[in-house]
Amino acid sequence: MVGRNIRHKAKGKWTYRAPKTRRVFRPNIQRTTIFLRGERRRVHICTRCLRTLNKTA
């Protein structure tokens, strides 16, 4: 996903003309140890998936 980020503080009508840059939304990746098929594995996993994993466990 991408968005547009205003580079500096802008108020009023200036917000329409304020210089904007491209912004990329990146996943929140964490390195953690989980049990996978009965053994401990160290994996890089996003926090959304980690929450889902904790709910099912």
N, C-alpha and C. Protein backbone atom coordinates (compact mmCIF):
# COMPACT_ATOMS: atom_id res chain seq x y z
N MET A 1 0.83 -1.18 0.00
CA MET A 1 0.00 0.00 0.00
C MET A 1 0.88 1.25 0.00
N VAL A 2 0.38 2.27 -0.64
CA VAL A 2 1.11 3.53 -0.66
C VAL A 2 0.16 4.66 -0.29
N GLY A 3 0.73 5.77 0.08
CA GLY A 3 -0.05 6.96 0.41
C GLY A 3 0.75 8.19 0.06
N ARG A 4 0.25 9.34 0.47
CA ARG A 4 0.96 10.58 0.22
C ARG A 4 1.16 11.30 1.54
N ASN A 5 2.38 11.72 1.80
CA ASN A 5 2.76 12.32 3.07
C ASN A 5 3.13 13.79 2.85
N ILE A 6 2.56 14.70 3.65
CA ILE A 6 2.93 16.12 3.56
C ILE A 6 4.28 16.31 4.24
N ARG A 7 5.22 16.97 3.57
CA ARG A 7 6.59 17.08 4.07
C ARG A 7 6.75 18.06 5.21
N HIS A 8 5.86 19.00 5.38
CA HIS A 8 5.98 19.96 6.47
C HIS A 8 4.60 20.37 6.93
N LYS A 9 4.53 21.12 8.03
CA LYS A 9 3.26 21.55 8.59
C LYS A 9 2.55 22.46 7.60
N ALA A 10 1.27 22.20 7.37
CA ALA A 10 0.50 23.01 6.43
C ALA A 10 -0.91 23.18 6.98
N LYS A 11 -1.44 24.42 6.92
CA LYS A 11 -2.79 24.70 7.40
C LYS A 11 -3.55 25.47 6.32
N GLY A 12 -4.87 25.42 6.43
CA GLY A 12 -5.72 26.20 5.54
C GLY A 12 -5.66 25.74 4.10
N LYS A 13 -5.73 26.71 3.18
CA LYS A 13 -5.71 26.37 1.75
C LYS A 13 -4.36 25.84 1.29
N TRP A 14 -3.33 26.10 2.07
CA TRP A 14 -1.97 25.67 1.70
C TRP A 14 -1.88 24.14 1.65
N THR A 15 -2.75 23.43 2.38
CA THR A 15 -2.67 21.96 2.42
C THR A 15 -2.87 21.35 1.04
N TYR A 16 -3.62 22.01 0.18
CA TYR A 16 -3.84 21.48 -1.16
C TYR A 16 -2.59 21.61 -2.02
N ARG A 17 -1.76 22.64 -1.74
CA ARG A 17 -0.56 22.88 -2.54
C ARG A 17 0.72 22.41 -1.87
N ALA A 18 0.62 21.94 -0.62
CA ALA A 18 1.81 21.53 0.13
C ALA A 18 2.55 20.41 -0.60
N PRO A 19 3.89 20.46 -0.60
CA PRO A 19 4.64 19.39 -1.28
C PRO A 19 4.41 18.04 -0.61
N LYS A 20 4.07 17.06 -1.42
CA LYS A 20 3.77 15.73 -0.91
C LYS A 20 4.77 14.72 -1.46
N THR A 21 5.07 13.72 -0.66
CA THR A 21 5.98 12.66 -1.08
C THR A 21 5.25 11.33 -1.00
N ARG A 22 5.75 10.35 -1.74
CA ARG A 22 5.16 9.02 -1.69
C ARG A 22 5.54 8.37 -0.37
N ARG A 23 4.62 7.62 0.23
CA ARG A 23 4.87 6.94 1.49
C ARG A 23 4.44 5.50 1.33
N VAL A 24 5.29 4.57 1.82
CA VAL A 24 4.99 3.15 1.70
C VAL A 24 4.67 2.60 3.09
N PHE A 25 3.54 1.91 3.22
CA PHE A 25 3.17 1.26 4.47
C PHE A 25 3.80 -0.11 4.49
N ARG A 26 4.70 -0.34 5.43
CA ARG A 26 5.41 -1.62 5.52
C ARG A 26 4.87 -2.45 6.69
N PRO A 27 4.91 -3.79 6.58
CA PRO A 27 4.44 -4.63 7.68
C PRO A 27 5.39 -4.55 8.88
N ASN A 28 4.85 -4.72 10.07
CA ASN A 28 5.63 -4.69 11.30
C ASN A 28 6.18 -6.08 11.55
N ILE A 29 7.39 -6.34 11.05
CA ILE A 29 8.01 -7.67 11.12
C ILE A 29 8.82 -7.79 12.41
N GLN A 30 8.60 -8.89 13.13
CA GLN A 30 9.32 -9.17 14.37
C GLN A 30 9.97 -10.54 14.26
N ARG A 31 11.11 -10.70 14.93
CA ARG A 31 11.77 -11.99 14.97
C ARG A 31 11.40 -12.65 16.29
N THR A 32 10.79 -13.82 16.22
CA THR A 32 10.31 -14.49 17.42
C THR A 32 10.44 -15.99 17.30
N THR A 33 10.34 -16.68 18.44
CA THR A 33 10.41 -18.14 18.47
C THR A 33 9.01 -18.68 18.66
N ILE A 34 8.60 -19.59 17.78
CA ILE A 34 7.28 -20.20 17.89
C ILE A 34 7.42 -21.72 17.80
N PHE A 35 6.39 -22.42 18.26
CA PHE A 35 6.36 -23.86 18.13
C PHE A 35 5.67 -24.20 16.82
N LEU A 36 6.40 -24.90 15.94
CA LEU A 36 5.88 -25.27 14.64
C LEU A 36 6.08 -26.77 14.45
N ARG A 37 4.97 -27.50 14.35
CA ARG A 37 5.00 -28.96 14.20
C ARG A 37 5.78 -29.64 15.34
N GLY A 38 5.59 -29.15 16.57
CA GLY A 38 6.21 -29.76 17.73
C GLY A 38 7.63 -29.34 18.03
N GLU A 39 8.22 -28.50 17.24
CA GLU A 39 9.59 -28.04 17.50
C GLU A 39 9.65 -26.52 17.49
N ARG A 40 10.62 -25.99 18.23
CA ARG A 40 10.77 -24.54 18.31
C ARG A 40 11.49 -24.02 17.06
N ARG A 41 10.90 -23.00 16.45
CA ARG A 41 11.49 -22.41 15.25
C ARG A 41 11.62 -20.91 15.45
N ARG A 42 12.69 -20.33 14.97
CA ARG A 42 12.88 -18.89 15.02
C ARG A 42 12.47 -18.34 13.66
N VAL A 43 11.47 -17.45 13.65
CA VAL A 43 10.93 -16.96 12.38
C VAL A 43 10.76 -15.45 12.42
N HIS A 44 10.71 -14.86 11.24
CA HIS A 44 10.32 -13.46 11.07
C HIS A 44 8.84 -13.46 10.73
N ILE A 45 8.04 -12.80 11.57
CA ILE A 45 6.59 -12.86 11.41
C ILE A 45 6.01 -11.48 11.71
N CYS A 46 4.95 -11.12 10.97
CA CYS A 46 4.32 -9.81 11.21
C CYS A 46 3.48 -9.89 12.48
N THR A 47 3.29 -8.75 13.14
CA THR A 47 2.58 -8.72 14.42
C THR A 47 1.12 -9.13 14.26
N ARG A 48 0.52 -8.84 13.12
CA ARG A 48 -0.86 -9.25 12.88
C ARG A 48 -0.96 -10.77 12.90
N CYS A 49 -0.02 -11.45 12.23
CA CYS A 49 -0.01 -12.92 12.19
C CYS A 49 0.33 -13.48 13.57
N LEU A 50 1.19 -12.80 14.31
CA LEU A 50 1.56 -13.24 15.65
C LEU A 50 0.36 -13.19 16.58
N ARG A 51 -0.47 -12.15 16.47
CA ARG A 51 -1.68 -12.04 17.27
C ARG A 51 -2.65 -13.18 16.94
N THR A 52 -2.79 -13.46 15.65
CA THR A 52 -3.68 -14.54 15.22
C THR A 52 -3.18 -15.88 15.74
N LEU A 53 -1.87 -16.08 15.70
CA LEU A 53 -1.26 -17.32 16.19
C LEU A 53 -1.51 -17.48 17.68
N ASN A 54 -1.42 -16.39 18.45
CA ASN A 54 -1.65 -16.45 19.89
C ASN A 54 -3.11 -16.74 20.21
N LYS A 55 -4.02 -16.30 19.37
CA LYS A 55 -5.45 -16.54 19.59
C LYS A 55 -5.78 -18.02 19.39
N THR A 56 -5.16 -18.66 18.39
CA THR A 56 -5.47 -20.05 18.07
C THR A 56 -4.75 -21.02 19.01
N ALA A 57 -3.66 -20.58 19.61
CA ALA A 57 -2.87 -21.48 20.48
C ALA A 57 -3.48 -21.63 21.85
